[in-house]
Amino acid sequence: MRYWQWAAMCVVLGMMTACADKPQVQMAADVIKTKEQNQSFAWQNKIISTKDNINQKCTNQCPQIEYQLISTPYAWIDSTINKAVLSILDSGEESAEGSPAAKRIQDFYAKPVVNDDELGEQLGRIKQNLDRLAKEVSGEQMVVVSAKPDFLGFYKDLPQMSVSGEIYLGGAHGMTSYFYYVFDLQAKRQLDLSDVVLPNQMPALQQTLQAQFDAMLRSQGADPAEHGQSWEFFVTRNFVFDKDGMEFLYQPYEIAPYVYGPISLRLDKQQMRALIKPQYL
């Protein structure tokens, strides 16, 4: 039986409660079992400390930060997901391109495996940056960022996860995001779309998904040809498997204006047989 342990972290700055200042570990009461794999996944809470004490309350124009990080027996999975969480929180970073500070950040995100000290250092930097942004917003606006991973279960022998995020840095509206991750434990890496699509079938996949997207546009009274003049369609690498087929999820502003929200396009099992490698059917 394989156990996965999740390290949950939450910080709410400027509110009545926050995570404890000292590291604590608590086992959650719920244990999730997948019927197909008969495997259990134990959840636990853990706090990673930062140099400037990210749990410390501030008194004026404080950002609200909520996030979770994971800890499993697979350091490369932890690093992939935890860096994804931090990258959402890091959306307000404004280091000049090519500067030493920007290079250090790029080097962190490029590392295949990062440790708790490196995560803590980056979290401290992110917290300071969000503090600065919070003091720059006008009126009663508030900087709010959140990022949360979730385990979606196994598809065959592939563990699948997601990271959802919400960002508001002032302005007319915030931004939401939802990213999928499909892992191959034997190959020890995240699967890319090129790993699962049959050779020479990427154009056919794009045609299939675009036909579905065009039908969606027409159902909402939009002209696909006119829409395509401003928004170029592409095949997203943000995919996940489920019992009915595959989902391809686009973030707001990727292929349509914000008002459309996240856009989900799908392949059913029959469509997958013509486009996807047999081992993933």
Protein backbone atom coordinates (compact mmCIF):
# COMPACT_ATOMS: atom_id res chain seq x y z
CA MET A 1 0.00 0.00 0.00
CA ARG A 2 1.44 3.37 -1.03
CA TYR A 3 0.95 6.38 1.23
CA TRP A 4 1.13 10.00 0.12
CA GLN A 5 1.51 12.71 2.71
CA TRP A 6 0.41 16.21 1.96
CA ALA A 7 1.88 19.23 3.70
CA ALA A 8 -0.84 21.83 3.99
CA MET A 9 0.18 25.42 4.58
CA CYS A 10 -2.08 28.40 5.05
CA VAL A 11 -1.24 31.99 5.90
CA VAL A 12 -3.82 34.75 6.29
CA LEU A 13 -2.05 38.01 7.00
CA GLY A 14 -3.91 40.81 8.72
CA MET A 15 -6.78 38.58 9.88
CA MET A 16 -7.66 37.27 13.32
CA THR A 17 -6.13 33.85 12.78
CA ALA A 18 -3.06 32.49 11.04
CA CYS A 19 -1.04 29.31 11.04
CA ALA A 20 0.97 28.69 14.19
CA ASP A 21 4.39 30.32 14.42
CA LYS A 22 6.11 27.03 15.27
CA PRO A 23 6.09 23.99 12.98
CA GLN A 24 3.26 21.64 13.85
CA VAL A 25 2.16 18.36 12.33
CA GLN A 26 -1.42 17.16 12.48
CA MET A 27 -2.85 14.09 10.83
CA ALA A 28 -6.21 14.71 9.23
CA ALA A 29 -9.07 12.39 10.06
CA ASP A 30 -9.97 11.70 6.44
CA VAL A 31 -8.18 9.06 4.40
CA ILE A 32 -9.05 8.98 0.71
CA LYS A 33 -9.15 5.61 -1.04
CA THR A 34 -9.28 5.12 -4.79
CA LYS A 35 -11.42 2.16 -5.81
CA GLU A 36 -9.29 1.26 -8.81
CA GLN A 37 -5.96 1.23 -6.97
CA ASN A 38 -7.12 0.48 -3.40
CA GLN A 39 -4.49 2.89 -2.17
CA SER A 40 -4.72 5.35 0.70
CA PHE A 41 -3.52 8.91 0.85
CA ALA A 42 -2.87 10.40 4.28
CA TRP A 43 -3.05 14.16 4.71
CA GLN A 44 -1.00 16.13 7.20
CA ASN A 45 -0.39 19.79 7.96
CA LYS A 46 3.10 21.25 8.04
CA ILE A 47 4.54 24.75 8.13
CA ILE A 48 7.77 25.79 6.43
CA SER A 49 9.41 28.72 8.20
CA THR A 50 10.75 31.77 6.40
CA LYS A 51 13.49 34.18 7.37
CA ASP A 52 11.10 37.06 7.96
CA ASN A 53 8.35 35.02 9.68
CA ILE A 54 5.60 34.86 7.09
CA ASN A 55 3.04 34.24 9.86
CA GLN A 56 3.64 37.60 11.52
CA LYS A 57 0.60 39.87 11.44
CA CYS A 58 0.82 43.28 9.86
CA THR A 59 -1.27 46.27 10.86
CA ASN A 60 -1.95 48.26 7.70
CA GLN A 61 -3.04 47.27 4.17
CA CYS A 62 -2.12 43.63 4.66
CA PRO A 63 -2.25 41.06 1.85
CA GLN A 64 -4.35 37.95 2.31
CA ILE A 65 -2.33 34.87 1.39
CA GLU A 66 -3.63 31.31 1.44
CA TYR A 67 -1.75 28.35 0.05
CA GLN A 68 -0.87 24.70 0.47
CA LEU A 69 2.29 22.75 -0.26
CA ILE A 70 2.63 18.99 -0.51
CA SER A 71 5.03 16.39 0.85
CA THR A 72 5.05 12.90 -0.68
CA PRO A 73 7.62 10.11 -1.04
CA TYR A 74 8.46 11.59 -4.47
CA ALA A 75 10.65 14.69 -4.21
CA TRP A 76 10.31 15.43 -7.93
CA ILE A 77 6.51 15.51 -7.65
CA ASP A 78 6.71 17.70 -4.54
CA SER A 79 8.97 20.13 -6.37
CA THR A 80 6.76 20.29 -9.46
CA ILE A 81 3.60 21.01 -7.47
CA ASN A 82 5.15 23.28 -4.84
CA LYS A 83 6.86 25.42 -7.48
CA ALA A 84 3.51 25.65 -9.29
CA VAL A 85 1.91 26.91 -6.08
CA LEU A 86 4.64 29.50 -5.57
CA SER A 87 4.48 30.64 -9.19
CA ILE A 88 0.82 31.61 -8.67
CA LEU A 89 1.64 33.54 -5.49
CA ASP A 90 4.55 35.11 -7.38
CA SER A 91 2.36 36.76 -10.00
CA GLY A 92 3.11 40.26 -8.71
CA GLU A 93 6.89 39.92 -8.99
CA GLU A 94 8.41 42.90 -10.84
CA SER A 95 12.17 42.24 -10.88
CA ALA A 96 13.77 43.75 -13.97
CA GLU A 97 14.38 41.19 -16.69
CA GLY A 98 18.02 40.11 -16.74
CA SER A 99 18.73 41.48 -13.25
CA PRO A 100 20.51 39.31 -10.63
CA ALA A 101 17.25 39.09 -8.66
CA ALA A 102 15.32 37.91 -11.70
CA LYS A 103 18.01 35.32 -12.49
CA ARG A 104 17.84 33.88 -8.96
CA ILE A 105 14.08 33.50 -9.31
CA GLN A 106 14.44 31.86 -12.73
CA ASP A 107 17.08 29.48 -11.38
CA PHE A 108 14.77 28.45 -8.54
CA TYR A 109 11.86 27.61 -10.85
CA ALA A 110 14.19 25.81 -13.28
CA LYS A 111 15.56 23.41 -10.64
CA PRO A 112 14.11 19.89 -10.96
CA VAL A 113 14.10 19.42 -7.18
CA VAL A 114 13.94 22.13 -4.50
CA ASN A 115 14.22 21.70 -0.73
CA ASP A 116 12.34 23.27 2.18
CA ASP A 117 15.01 25.93 2.76
CA GLU A 118 14.72 27.10 -0.83
CA LEU A 119 10.93 27.12 -0.60
CA GLY A 120 11.12 29.14 2.62
CA GLU A 121 13.47 31.67 1.06
CA GLN A 122 11.18 32.19 -1.93
CA LEU A 123 8.08 32.40 0.26
CA GLY A 124 9.74 35.15 2.29
CA ARG A 125 10.53 37.09 -0.88
CA ILE A 126 6.98 36.61 -2.18
CA LYS A 127 5.49 37.77 1.12
CA GLN A 128 7.59 40.95 1.07
CA ASN A 129 6.55 41.64 -2.51
CA LEU A 130 2.86 41.14 -1.70
CA ASP A 131 3.22 43.43 1.33
CA ARG A 132 4.52 46.12 -1.01
CA LEU A 133 1.72 45.59 -3.52
CA ALA A 134 -0.91 45.68 -0.76
CA LYS A 135 0.22 49.14 0.28
CA GLU A 136 -0.02 50.38 -3.31
CA VAL A 137 -3.67 49.44 -3.96
CA SER A 138 -6.18 52.23 -3.61
CA GLY A 139 -9.19 52.70 -1.37
CA GLU A 140 -10.68 49.62 0.23
CA GLN A 141 -9.18 47.22 -2.30
CA MET A 142 -7.18 44.33 -0.89
CA VAL A 143 -4.46 42.12 -2.33
CA VAL A 144 -5.67 38.51 -2.21
CA VAL A 145 -3.74 35.50 -3.51
CA SER A 146 -4.41 31.81 -3.03
CA ALA A 147 -3.03 28.59 -4.47
CA LYS A 148 -4.13 25.08 -3.58
CA PRO A 149 -3.08 21.66 -4.89
CA ASP A 150 -5.48 18.74 -5.02
CA PHE A 151 -5.10 15.03 -5.69
CA LEU A 152 -7.45 13.90 -8.46
CA GLY A 153 -6.83 10.17 -8.17
CA PHE A 154 -5.19 7.64 -10.44
CA TYR A 155 -5.83 7.14 -14.13
CA LYS A 156 -4.48 3.66 -14.72
CA ASP A 157 -1.09 3.89 -12.93
CA LEU A 158 -0.77 7.65 -13.38
CA PRO A 159 -1.36 9.89 -10.34
CA GLN A 160 -3.06 13.12 -11.37
CA MET A 161 -3.09 16.42 -9.53
CA SER A 162 -4.27 19.97 -9.99
CA VAL A 163 -3.25 23.38 -8.68
CA SER A 164 -5.93 26.06 -8.53
CA GLY A 165 -5.19 29.71 -7.96
CA GLU A 166 -6.91 33.02 -7.42
CA ILE A 167 -5.21 36.40 -7.64
CA TYR A 168 -6.50 39.90 -7.01
CA LEU A 169 -3.93 42.71 -7.11
CA GLY A 170 -6.38 45.57 -7.49
CA GLY A 171 -8.28 46.66 -10.57
CA ALA A 172 -11.57 45.62 -12.14
CA HIS A 173 -11.38 41.91 -11.39
CA GLY A 174 -9.12 39.14 -10.19
CA MET A 175 -7.76 36.16 -12.10
CA THR A 176 -8.40 32.48 -11.54
CA SER A 177 -6.31 29.60 -12.84
CA TYR A 178 -6.50 25.81 -12.79
CA PHE A 179 -3.60 23.62 -13.88
CA TYR A 180 -3.47 19.85 -14.33
CA TYR A 181 -0.51 17.52 -13.73
CA VAL A 182 -0.26 13.90 -14.88
CA PHE A 183 2.70 11.98 -13.47
CA ASP A 184 4.42 8.82 -14.67
CA LEU A 185 5.97 7.18 -11.60
CA GLN A 186 8.08 4.76 -13.63
CA ALA A 187 9.54 7.46 -15.88
CA LYS A 188 9.77 9.82 -12.88
CA ARG A 189 8.41 12.84 -14.71
CA GLN A 190 5.32 14.82 -15.58
CA LEU A 191 3.71 13.71 -18.82
CA ASP A 192 3.55 16.22 -21.64
CA LEU A 193 0.86 16.14 -24.30
CA SER A 194 3.49 14.99 -26.81
CA ASP A 195 3.96 11.86 -24.69
CA VAL A 196 0.35 10.73 -25.09
CA VAL A 197 -0.67 11.85 -28.61
CA LEU A 198 -0.11 9.40 -31.47
CA PRO A 199 2.68 10.33 -33.93
CA ASN A 200 1.61 12.89 -36.54
CA GLN A 201 -1.82 13.33 -34.93
CA MET A 202 -1.33 16.73 -33.31
CA PRO A 203 -2.91 18.56 -36.30
CA ALA A 204 -5.93 16.24 -36.12
CA LEU A 205 -6.20 16.87 -32.38
CA GLN A 206 -6.16 20.62 -32.97
CA GLN A 207 -8.84 20.30 -35.64
CA THR A 208 -11.05 18.23 -33.32
CA LEU A 209 -10.73 20.64 -30.40
CA GLN A 210 -11.14 23.74 -32.54
CA ALA A 211 -14.35 22.37 -34.07
CA GLN A 212 -15.70 21.94 -30.55
CA PHE A 213 -14.58 25.44 -29.58
CA ASP A 214 -16.16 26.97 -32.70
CA ALA A 215 -19.43 25.22 -31.88
CA MET A 216 -19.28 26.71 -28.38
CA LEU A 217 -18.72 30.19 -29.82
CA ARG A 218 -21.68 29.84 -32.18
CA SER A 219 -23.89 28.66 -29.30
CA GLN A 220 -23.12 31.96 -27.56
CA GLY A 221 -23.84 34.07 -30.62
CA ALA A 222 -20.23 34.68 -31.65
CA ASP A 223 -18.75 34.25 -35.13
CA PRO A 224 -15.75 31.84 -34.98
CA ALA A 225 -14.07 33.46 -38.01
CA GLU A 226 -14.34 36.93 -36.50
CA HIS A 227 -13.24 35.63 -33.10
CA GLY A 228 -10.17 34.02 -34.66
CA GLN A 229 -8.96 37.37 -35.97
CA SER A 230 -8.29 38.50 -32.39
CA TRP A 231 -7.75 35.21 -30.57
CA GLU A 232 -5.51 32.49 -31.98
CA PHE A 233 -6.56 28.95 -31.14
CA PHE A 234 -3.96 26.41 -30.01
CA VAL A 235 -3.87 23.02 -28.30
CA THR A 236 -3.21 23.55 -24.61
CA ARG A 237 -0.79 21.32 -22.72
CA ASN A 238 -3.10 21.59 -19.72
CA PHE A 239 -4.84 18.21 -19.88
CA VAL A 240 -6.11 15.45 -17.61
CA PHE A 241 -7.63 11.99 -18.03
CA ASP A 242 -10.93 10.86 -16.53
CA LYS A 243 -13.33 7.94 -16.87
CA ASP A 244 -15.09 9.55 -19.83
CA GLY A 245 -12.04 10.67 -21.81
CA MET A 246 -9.72 13.69 -21.65
CA GLU A 247 -10.21 17.31 -20.67
CA PHE A 248 -8.23 20.24 -22.11
CA LEU A 249 -8.58 23.31 -19.92
CA TYR A 250 -7.80 26.86 -21.06
CA GLN A 251 -7.23 29.73 -18.64
CA PRO A 252 -9.06 33.06 -19.04
CA TYR A 253 -7.53 35.21 -21.80
CA GLU A 254 -5.76 32.27 -23.49
CA ILE A 255 -8.17 31.80 -26.40
CA ALA A 256 -11.03 34.14 -25.49
CA PRO A 257 -11.82 37.28 -23.47
CA TYR A 258 -12.14 37.15 -19.70
CA VAL A 259 -15.94 37.05 -19.84
CA TYR A 260 -15.79 33.49 -21.23
CA GLY A 261 -13.98 32.29 -18.10
CA PRO A 262 -12.02 29.01 -18.13
CA ILE A 263 -12.83 27.01 -21.27
CA SER A 264 -13.02 23.21 -21.11
CA LEU A 265 -12.78 21.14 -24.29
CA ARG A 266 -12.98 17.35 -24.30
CA LEU A 267 -12.19 14.15 -26.13
CA ASP A 268 -14.48 11.20 -25.54
CA LYS A 269 -13.21 7.63 -25.58
CA GLN A 270 -14.03 7.12 -29.24
CA GLN A 271 -12.15 10.26 -30.27
CA MET A 272 -9.21 9.23 -28.10
CA ARG A 273 -8.79 5.96 -30.02
CA ALA A 274 -7.90 7.89 -33.17
CA LEU A 275 -5.60 10.41 -31.47
CA ILE A 276 -4.12 9.02 -28.25
CA LYS A 277 -1.59 6.22 -27.74
CA PRO A 278 -3.13 2.85 -26.79
CA GLN A 279 -1.52 2.69 -23.32
CA TYR A 280 -3.54 5.76 -22.29
CA LEU A 281 -6.94 4.52 -23.47
